[in-house]
Amino acid sequence: MNYPGPAGASTAVLGDFNSDGHVDIAVESNTNAVLAVLFGKANGTFQTAVDYVGVSGPVAMASGDFNDDGTTDLVSVTTASQAEVQLNECL
């Protein structure tokens, strides 16, 4: 199956970003600073992407619980050698 993401998609990472027990996909655009999240469904498919404000020039992403609150967060590294942490409460 194909799922549309943001134009210029450059990085992606998996995680359970809405804490529902299903794998989600976060995709960041290299051209328009959009972070699109495709939330996973129980049947293994994904919902239509939900767009959020991303970072400019992402080159890498990682997911993990960076603030020890029990939810999955995102970090993006940019072409300007900056890291931006997006805590789960922002999604």
PDB file of N, CA and C in Angstrom:
ATOM      1  N   MET A   1       0.834  -1.182   0.000  1.00  0.00           N
ATOM      2  CA  MET A   1       0.000   0.000   0.000  1.00  0.00           C
ATOM      3  C   MET A   1       0.874   1.238   0.000  1.00  0.00           C
ATOM      4  N   ASN A   2       0.390   2.271  -0.636  1.00  0.00           N
ATOM      5  CA  ASN A   2       1.067   3.564  -0.644  1.00  0.00           C
ATOM      6  C   ASN A   2       0.272   4.553   0.187  1.00  0.00           C
ATOM      7  N   TYR A   3       0.986   5.345   0.964  1.00  0.00           N
ATOM      8  CA  TYR A   3       0.363   6.372   1.781  1.00  0.00           C
ATOM      9  C   TYR A   3       1.010   7.704   1.437  1.00  0.00           C
ATOM     10  N   PRO A   4       0.225   8.694   1.012  1.00  0.00           N
ATOM     11  CA  PRO A   4       0.824   9.989   0.678  1.00  0.00           C
ATOM     12  C   PRO A   4       1.363  10.688   1.918  1.00  0.00           C
ATOM     13  N   GLY A   5       2.530  11.284   1.753  1.00  0.00           N
ATOM     14  CA  GLY A   5       3.151  12.064   2.820  1.00  0.00           C
ATOM     15  C   GLY A   5       3.413  13.465   2.311  1.00  0.00           C
ATOM     16  N   PRO A   6       4.202  14.238   3.014  1.00  0.00           N
ATOM     17  CA  PRO A   6       4.460  15.610   2.587  1.00  0.00           C
ATOM     18  C   PRO A   6       5.365  15.649   1.357  1.00  0.00           C
ATOM     19  N   ALA A   7       5.203  16.686   0.547  1.00  0.00           N
ATOM     20  CA  ALA A   7       6.087  16.881  -0.601  1.00  0.00           C
ATOM     21  C   ALA A   7       7.515  17.044  -0.103  1.00  0.00           C
ATOM     22  N   GLY A   8       8.464  16.441  -0.788  1.00  0.00           N
ATOM     23  CA  GLY A   8       9.862  16.561  -0.396  1.00  0.00           C
ATOM     24  C   GLY A   8      10.218  15.772   0.838  1.00  0.00           C
ATOM     25  N   ALA A   9       9.483  14.701   1.116  1.00  0.00           N
ATOM     26  CA  ALA A   9       9.758  13.878   2.302  1.00  0.00           C
ATOM     27  C   ALA A   9      11.215  13.431   2.294  1.00  0.00           C
ATOM     28  N   SER A  10      11.899  13.647   3.423  1.00  0.00           N
ATOM     29  CA  SER A  10      13.328  13.338   3.456  1.00  0.00           C
ATOM     30  C   SER A  10      13.721  12.396   4.585  1.00  0.00           C
ATOM     31  N   THR A  11      12.979  12.383   5.675  1.00  0.00           N
ATOM     32  CA  THR A  11      13.308  11.509   6.796  1.00  0.00           C
ATOM     33  C   THR A  11      12.031  10.924   7.378  1.00  0.00           C
ATOM     34  N   ALA A  12      12.162   9.740   7.950  1.00  0.00           N
ATOM     35  CA  ALA A  12      11.009   9.081   8.561  1.00  0.00           C
ATOM     36  C   ALA A  12      11.471   8.280   9.770  1.00  0.00           C
ATOM     37  N   VAL A  13      10.547   8.088  10.700  1.00  0.00           N
ATOM     38  CA  VAL A  13      10.837   7.309  11.896  1.00  0.00           C
ATOM     39  C   VAL A  13       9.533   6.679  12.385  1.00  0.00           C
ATOM     40  N   LEU A  14       9.660   5.547  13.032  1.00  0.00           N
ATOM     41  CA  LEU A  14       8.502   4.845  13.590  1.00  0.00           C
ATOM     42  C   LEU A  14       8.419   5.074  15.092  1.00  0.00           C
ATOM     43  N   GLY A  15       7.210   5.043  15.616  1.00  0.00           N
ATOM     44  CA  GLY A  15       6.993   5.166  17.056  1.00  0.00           C
ATOM     45  C   GLY A  15       5.503   5.147  17.336  1.00  0.00           C
ATOM     46  N   ASP A  16       5.145   5.013  18.585  1.00  0.00           N
ATOM     47  CA  ASP A  16       3.732   5.070  18.975  1.00  0.00           C
ATOM     48  C   ASP A  16       3.469   6.470  19.522  1.00  0.00           C
ATOM     49  N   PHE A  17       3.208   7.412  18.621  1.00  0.00           N
ATOM     50  CA  PHE A  17       3.145   8.826  18.995  1.00  0.00           C
ATOM     51  C   PHE A  17       1.842   9.235  19.665  1.00  0.00           C
ATOM     52  N   ASN A  18       0.800   8.420  19.566  1.00  0.00           N
ATOM     53  CA  ASN A  18      -0.454   8.749  20.246  1.00  0.00           C
ATOM     54  C   ASN A  18      -0.783   7.747  21.360  1.00  0.00           C
ATOM     55  N   SER A  19       0.186   6.926  21.717  1.00  0.00           N
ATOM     56  CA  SER A  19       0.083   6.000  22.856  1.00  0.00           C
ATOM     57  C   SER A  19      -1.129   5.079  22.795  1.00  0.00           C
ATOM     58  N   ASP A  20      -1.452   4.592  21.590  1.00  0.00           N
ATOM     59  CA  ASP A  20      -2.589   3.680  21.454  1.00  0.00           C
ATOM     60  C   ASP A  20      -2.163   2.227  21.262  1.00  0.00           C
ATOM     61  N   GLY A  21      -0.845   1.973  21.311  1.00  0.00           N
ATOM     62  CA  GLY A  21      -0.345   0.613  21.147  1.00  0.00           C
ATOM     63  C   GLY A  21      -0.108   0.199  19.713  1.00  0.00           C
ATOM     64  N   HIS A  22      -0.291   1.127  18.750  1.00  0.00           N
ATOM     65  CA  HIS A  22      -0.075   0.822  17.332  1.00  0.00           C
ATOM     66  C   HIS A  22       1.084   1.662  16.802  1.00  0.00           C
ATOM     67  N   VAL A  23       1.865   1.083  15.904  1.00  0.00           N
ATOM     68  CA  VAL A  23       3.010   1.785  15.323  1.00  0.00           C
ATOM     69  C   VAL A  23       2.515   2.901  14.415  1.00  0.00           C
ATOM     70  N   ASP A  24       3.110   4.083  14.561  1.00  0.00           N
ATOM     71  CA  ASP A  24       2.823   5.238  13.727  1.00  0.00           C
ATOM     72  C   ASP A  24       4.073   5.581  12.919  1.00  0.00           C
ATOM     73  N   ILE A  25       3.897   6.364  11.848  1.00  0.00           N
ATOM     74  CA  ILE A  25       5.016   6.807  11.020  1.00  0.00           C
ATOM     75  C   ILE A  25       5.062   8.329  11.039  1.00  0.00           C
ATOM     76  N   ALA A  26       6.213   8.895  11.373  1.00  0.00           N
ATOM     77  CA  ALA A  26       6.423  10.344  11.292  1.00  0.00           C
ATOM     78  C   ALA A  26       7.359  10.600  10.122  1.00  0.00           C
ATOM     79  N   VAL A  27       6.971  11.521   9.246  1.00  0.00           N
ATOM     80  CA  VAL A  27       7.746  11.846   8.047  1.00  0.00           C
ATOM     81  C   VAL A  27       7.952  13.354   8.020  1.00  0.00           C
ATOM     82  N   GLU A  28       9.206  13.784   7.788  1.00  0.00           N
ATOM     83  CA  GLU A  28       9.469  15.208   7.724  1.00  0.00           C
ATOM     84  C   GLU A  28       9.878  15.609   6.317  1.00  0.00           C
ATOM     85  N   SER A  29       9.424  16.788   5.900  1.00  0.00           N
ATOM     86  CA  SER A  29       9.692  17.318   4.567  1.00  0.00           C
ATOM     87  C   SER A  29      10.937  18.186   4.584  1.00  0.00           C
ATOM     88  N   ASN A  30      11.762  18.023   3.563  1.00  0.00           N
ATOM     89  CA  ASN A  30      12.967  18.825   3.427  1.00  0.00           C
ATOM     90  C   ASN A  30      12.682  20.139   2.716  1.00  0.00           C
ATOM     91  N   THR A  31      11.474  20.291   2.159  1.00  0.00           N
ATOM     92  CA  THR A  31      11.188  21.478   1.357  1.00  0.00           C
ATOM     93  C   THR A  31      10.231  22.465   2.002  1.00  0.00           C
ATOM     94  N   ASN A  32       9.346  22.025   2.899  1.00  0.00           N
ATOM     95  CA  ASN A  32       8.347  22.971   3.410  1.00  0.00           C
ATOM     96  C   ASN A  32       8.116  22.900   4.923  1.00  0.00           C
ATOM     97  N   ALA A  33       9.040  22.379   5.677  1.00  0.00           N
ATOM     98  CA  ALA A  33       8.972  22.355   7.150  1.00  0.00           C
ATOM     99  C   ALA A  33       7.664  21.764   7.666  1.00  0.00           C
ATOM    100  N   VAL A  34       7.270  20.636   7.098  1.00  0.00           N
ATOM    101  CA  VAL A  34       6.073  19.929   7.535  1.00  0.00           C
ATOM    102  C   VAL A  34       6.468  18.595   8.148  1.00  0.00           C
ATOM    103  N   LEU A  35       5.893  18.300   9.293  1.00  0.00           N
ATOM    104  CA  LEU A  35       6.016  16.991   9.930  1.00  0.00           C
ATOM    105  C   LEU A  35       4.657  16.318   9.775  1.00  0.00           C
ATOM    106  N   ALA A  36       4.615  15.235   9.025  1.00  0.00           N
ATOM    107  CA  ALA A  36       3.368  14.500   8.819  1.00  0.00           C
ATOM    108  C   ALA A  36       3.422  13.220   9.637  1.00  0.00           C
ATOM    109  N   VAL A  37       2.350  12.942  10.368  1.00  0.00           N
ATOM    110  CA  VAL A  37       2.268  11.711  11.149  1.00  0.00           C
ATOM    111  C   VAL A  37       1.118  10.881  10.604  1.00  0.00           C
ATOM    112  N   LEU A  38       1.428   9.631  10.256  1.00  0.00           N
ATOM    113  CA  LEU A  38       0.418   8.670   9.831  1.00  0.00           C
ATOM    114  C   LEU A  38       0.187   7.745  11.013  1.00  0.00           C
ATOM    115  N   PHE A  39      -0.957   7.904  11.672  1.00  0.00           N
ATOM    116  CA  PHE A  39      -1.250   7.118  12.862  1.00  0.00           C
ATOM    117  C   PHE A  39      -1.699   5.721  12.466  1.00  0.00           C
ATOM    118  N   GLY A  40      -1.142   4.714  13.138  1.00  0.00           N
ATOM    119  CA  GLY A  40      -1.440   3.324  12.838  1.00  0.00           C
ATOM    120  C   GLY A  40      -2.803   2.898  13.343  1.00  0.00           C
ATOM    121  N   LYS A  41      -3.383   1.967  12.604  1.00  0.00           N
ATOM    122  CA  LYS A  41      -4.669   1.381  12.992  1.00  0.00           C
ATOM    123  C   LYS A  41      -4.441  -0.041  13.493  1.00  0.00           C
ATOM    124  N   ALA A  42      -5.430  -0.608  14.162  1.00  0.00           N
ATOM    125  CA  ALA A  42      -5.333  -1.960  14.719  1.00  0.00           C
ATOM    126  C   ALA A  42      -5.134  -3.014  13.636  1.00  0.00           C
ATOM    127  N   ASN A  43      -5.586  -2.744  12.415  1.00  0.00           N
ATOM    128  CA  ASN A  43      -5.478  -3.735  11.337  1.00  0.00           C
ATOM    129  C   ASN A  43      -4.156  -3.651  10.579  1.00  0.00           C
ATOM    130  N   GLY A  44      -3.219  -2.817  11.038  1.00  0.00           N
ATOM    131  CA  GLY A  44      -1.905  -2.721  10.407  1.00  0.00           C
ATOM    132  C   GLY A  44      -1.812  -1.688   9.303  1.00  0.00           C
ATOM    133  N   THR A  45      -2.903  -0.991   9.004  1.00  0.00           N
ATOM    134  CA  THR A  45      -2.862   0.082   8.022  1.00  0.00           C
ATOM    135  C   THR A  45      -2.699   1.409   8.753  1.00  0.00           C
ATOM    136  N   PHE A  46      -2.675   2.499   7.995  1.00  0.00           N
ATOM    137  CA  PHE A  46      -2.450   3.818   8.584  1.00  0.00           C
ATOM    138  C   PHE A  46      -3.539   4.788   8.163  1.00  0.00           C
ATOM    139  N   GLN A  47      -3.827   5.740   9.042  1.00  0.00           N
ATOM    140  CA  GLN A  47      -4.770   6.808   8.737  1.00  0.00           C
ATOM    141  C   GLN A  47      -4.117   7.808   7.789  1.00  0.00           C
ATOM    142  N   THR A  48      -4.906   8.684   7.219  1.00  0.00           N
ATOM    143  CA  THR A  48      -4.384   9.775   6.400  1.00  0.00           C
ATOM    144  C   THR A  48      -3.453  10.633   7.254  1.00  0.00           C
ATOM    145  N   ALA A  49      -2.380  11.115   6.644  1.00  0.00           N
ATOM    146  CA  ALA A  49      -1.389  11.909   7.369  1.00  0.00           C
ATOM    147  C   ALA A  49      -2.001  13.161   7.980  1.00  0.00           C
ATOM    148  N   VAL A  50      -1.558  13.458   9.202  1.00  0.00           N
ATOM    149  CA  VAL A  50      -1.919  14.696   9.892  1.00  0.00           C
ATOM    150  C   VAL A  50      -0.668  15.561   9.902  1.00  0.00           C
ATOM    151  N   ASP A  51      -0.782  16.798   9.415  1.00  0.00           N
ATOM    152  CA  ASP A  51       0.373  17.685   9.307  1.00  0.00           C
ATOM    153  C   ASP A  51       0.553  18.545  10.545  1.00  0.00           C
ATOM    154  N   TYR A  52       1.824  18.702  10.936  1.00  0.00           N
ATOM    155  CA  TYR A  52       2.223  19.559  12.044  1.00  0.00           C
ATOM    156  C   TYR A  52       3.371  20.428  11.555  1.00  0.00           C
ATOM    157  N   VAL A  53       3.731  21.436  12.318  1.00  0.00           N
ATOM    158  CA  VAL A  53       4.884  22.264  11.977  1.00  0.00           C
ATOM    159  C   VAL A  53       6.147  21.445  12.221  1.00  0.00           C
ATOM    160  N   GLY A  54       6.995  21.369  11.207  1.00  0.00           N
ATOM    161  CA  GLY A  54       8.246  20.631  11.318  1.00  0.00           C
ATOM    162  C   GLY A  54       9.423  21.590  11.454  1.00  0.00           C
ATOM    163  N   VAL A  55      10.603  21.090  11.128  1.00  0.00           N
ATOM    164  CA  VAL A  55      11.807  21.912  11.171  1.00  0.00           C
ATOM    165  C   VAL A  55      12.277  22.169   9.745  1.00  0.00           C
ATOM    166  N   SER A  56      13.100  23.166   9.575  1.00  0.00           N
ATOM    167  CA  SER A  56      13.639  23.504   8.265  1.00  0.00           C
ATOM    168  C   SER A  56      14.910  22.696   8.008  1.00  0.00           C
ATOM    169  N   GLY A  57      14.943  21.966   6.898  1.00  0.00           N
ATOM    170  CA  GLY A  57      16.135  21.219   6.507  1.00  0.00           C
ATOM    171  C   GLY A  57      16.442  19.991   7.334  1.00  0.00           C
ATOM    172  N   PRO A  58      15.458  19.132   7.606  1.00  0.00           N
ATOM    173  CA  PRO A  58      15.755  17.934   8.402  1.00  0.00           C
ATOM    174  C   PRO A  58      16.640  16.952   7.625  1.00  0.00           C
ATOM    175  N   VAL A  59      17.593  16.343   8.303  1.00  0.00           N
ATOM    176  CA  VAL A  59      18.440  15.329   7.682  1.00  0.00           C
ATOM    177  C   VAL A  59      18.350  13.993   8.408  1.00  0.00           C
ATOM    178  N   ALA A  60      17.851  14.006   9.631  1.00  0.00           N
ATOM    179  CA  ALA A  60      17.708  12.767  10.394  1.00  0.00           C
ATOM    180  C   ALA A  60      16.667  12.965  11.481  1.00  0.00           C
ATOM    181  N   MET A  61      16.011  11.854  11.835  1.00  0.00           N
ATOM    182  CA  MET A  61      15.029  11.865  12.928  1.00  0.00           C
ATOM    183  C   MET A  61      15.253  10.637  13.787  1.00  0.00           C
ATOM    184  N   ALA A  62      14.842  10.748  15.036  1.00  0.00           N
ATOM    185  CA  ALA A  62      14.866   9.604  15.947  1.00  0.00           C
ATOM    186  C   ALA A  62      13.676   9.734  16.882  1.00  0.00           C
ATOM    187  N   SER A  63      13.226   8.611  17.412  1.00  0.00           N
ATOM    188  CA  SER A  63      12.136   8.636  18.379  1.00  0.00           C
ATOM    189  C   SER A  63      12.586   7.964  19.664  1.00  0.00           C
ATOM    190  N   GLY A  64      12.005   8.385  20.757  1.00  0.00           N
ATOM    191  CA  GLY A  64      12.320   7.827  22.065  1.00  0.00           C
ATOM    192  C   GLY A  64      11.613   8.649  23.133  1.00  0.00           C
ATOM    193  N   ASP A  65      11.694   8.203  24.350  1.00  0.00           N
ATOM    194  CA  ASP A  65      11.085   8.928  25.466  1.00  0.00           C
ATOM    195  C   ASP A  65      12.153   9.823  26.084  1.00  0.00           C
ATOM    196  N   PHE A  66      12.347  11.009  25.521  1.00  0.00           N
ATOM    197  CA  PHE A  66      13.458  11.871  25.902  1.00  0.00           C
ATOM    198  C   PHE A  66      13.241  12.626  27.218  1.00  0.00           C
ATOM    199  N   ASN A  67      11.987  12.724  27.675  1.00  0.00           N
ATOM    200  CA  ASN A  67      11.735  13.437  28.929  1.00  0.00           C
ATOM    201  C   ASN A  67      11.159  12.520  30.016  1.00  0.00           C
ATOM    202  N   ASP A  68      11.285  11.216  29.821  1.00  0.00           N
ATOM    203  CA  ASP A  68      10.889  10.212  30.823  1.00  0.00           C
ATOM    204  C   ASP A  68       9.449  10.351  31.318  1.00  0.00           C
ATOM    205  N   ASP A  69       8.523  10.675  30.389  1.00  0.00           N
ATOM    206  CA  ASP A  69       7.119  10.760  30.793  1.00  0.00           C
ATOM    207  C   ASP A  69       6.296   9.560  30.322  1.00  0.00           C
ATOM    208  N   GLY A  70       6.967   8.574  29.718  1.00  0.00           N
ATOM    209  CA  GLY A  70       6.278   7.367  29.279  1.00  0.00           C
ATOM    210  C   GLY A  70       5.668   7.455  27.898  1.00  0.00           C
ATOM    211  N   THR A  71       5.882   8.570  27.176  1.00  0.00           N
ATOM    212  CA  THR A  71       5.360   8.706  25.816  1.00  0.00           C
ATOM    213  C   THR A  71       6.506   8.907  24.833  1.00  0.00           C
ATOM    214  N   THR A  72       6.255   8.576  23.578  1.00  0.00           N
ATOM    215  CA  THR A  72       7.280   8.654  22.541  1.00  0.00           C
ATOM    216  C   THR A  72       7.404  10.073  22.010  1.00  0.00           C
ATOM    217  N   ASP A  73       8.623  10.601  21.990  1.00  0.00           N
ATOM    218  CA  ASP A  73       8.936  11.938  21.497  1.00  0.00           C
ATOM    219  C   ASP A  73       9.749  11.815  20.209  1.00  0.00           C
ATOM    220  N   LEU A  74       9.950  12.947  19.521  1.00  0.00           N
ATOM    221  CA  LEU A  74      10.747  12.996  18.299  1.00  0.00           C
ATOM    222  C   LEU A  74      11.905  13.960  18.464  1.00  0.00           C
ATOM    223  N   VAL A  75      13.010  13.672  17.802  1.00  0.00           N
ATOM    224  CA  VAL A  75      14.093  14.640  17.673  1.00  0.00           C
ATOM    225  C   VAL A  75      14.476  14.682  16.202  1.00  0.00           C
ATOM    226  N   SER A  76      14.692  15.899  15.697  1.00  0.00           N
ATOM    227  CA  SER A  76      15.103  16.106  14.313  1.00  0.00           C
ATOM    228  C   SER A  76      16.437  16.833  14.302  1.00  0.00           C
ATOM    229  N   VAL A  77      17.335  16.398  13.427  1.00  0.00           N
ATOM    230  CA  VAL A  77      18.612  17.070  13.229  1.00  0.00           C
ATOM    231  C   VAL A  77      18.527  17.764  11.878  1.00  0.00           C
ATOM    232  N   THR A  78      18.968  19.016  11.829  1.00  0.00           N
ATOM    233  CA  THR A  78      18.829  19.817  10.612  1.00  0.00           C
ATOM    234  C   THR A  78      20.159  20.005   9.905  1.00  0.00           C
ATOM    235  N   THR A  79      20.060  20.558   8.682  1.00  0.00           N
ATOM    236  CA  THR A  79      21.269  20.851   7.905  1.00  0.00           C
ATOM    237  C   THR A  79      22.104  21.933   8.578  1.00  0.00           C
ATOM    238  N   ALA A  80      21.515  22.690   9.498  1.00  0.00           N
ATOM    239  CA  ALA A  80      22.238  23.722  10.246  1.00  0.00           C
ATOM    240  C   ALA A  80      22.884  23.143  11.503  1.00  0.00           C
ATOM    241  N   SER A  81      22.963  21.810  11.582  1.00  0.00           N
ATOM    242  CA  SER A  81      23.563  21.107  12.723  1.00  0.00           C
ATOM    243  C   SER A  81      22.866  21.440  14.035  1.00  0.00           C
ATOM    244  N   GLN A  82      21.554  21.592  13.986  1.00  0.00           N
ATOM    245  CA  GLN A  82      20.767  21.833  15.179  1.00  0.00           C
ATOM    246  C   GLN A  82      19.876  20.625  15.418  1.00  0.00           C
ATOM    247  N   ALA A  83      19.591  20.370  16.688  1.00  0.00           N
ATOM    248  CA  ALA A  83      18.657  19.302  17.050  1.00  0.00           C
ATOM    249  C   ALA A  83      17.432  19.949  17.667  1.00  0.00           C
ATOM    250  N   GLU A  84      16.261  19.538  17.201  1.00  0.00           N
ATOM    251  CA  GLU A  84      15.014  20.051  17.759  1.00  0.00           C
ATOM    252  C   GLU A  84      14.215  18.885  18.304  1.00  0.00           C
ATOM    253  N   VAL A  85      13.914  18.941  19.587  1.00  0.00           N
ATOM    254  CA  VAL A  85      13.123  17.892  20.229  1.00  0.00           C
ATOM    255  C   VAL A  85      11.661  18.308  20.204  1.00  0.00           C
ATOM    256  N   GLN A  86      10.821  17.410  19.730  1.00  0.00           N
ATOM    257  CA  GLN A  86       9.370  17.639  19.710  1.00  0.00           C
ATOM    258  C   GLN A  86       8.748  16.654  20.689  1.00  0.00           C
ATOM    259  N   LEU A  87       8.385  17.170  21.856  1.00  0.00           N
ATOM    260  CA  LEU A  87       7.830  16.317  22.894  1.00  0.00           C
ATOM    261  C   LEU A  87       6.431  15.882  22.508  1.00  0.00           C
ATOM    262  N   ASN A  88       6.040  14.709  22.970  1.00  0.00           N
ATOM    263  CA  ASN A  88       4.768  14.105  22.572  1.00  0.00           C
ATOM    264  C   ASN A  88       3.577  15.007  22.813  1.00  0.00           C
ATOM    265  N   GLU A  89       3.621  15.829  23.832  1.00  0.00           N
ATOM    266  CA  GLU A  89       2.462  16.686  24.073  1.00  0.00           C
ATOM    267  C   GLU A  89       2.250  17.706  22.958  1.00  0.00           C
ATOM    268  N   CYS A  90       3.223  17.847  22.058  1.00  0.00           N
ATOM    269  CA  CYS A  90       3.075  18.762  20.927  1.00  0.00           C
ATOM    270  C   CYS A  90       2.350  18.110  19.765  1.00  0.00           C
ATOM    271  N   LEU A  91       2.235  16.785  19.736  1.00  0.00           N
ATOM    272  CA  LEU A  91       1.597  16.100  18.612  1.00  0.00           C
ATOM    273  C   LEU A  91       0.121  15.970  18.843  1.00  0.00           C
TER     274      LEU A  91
END
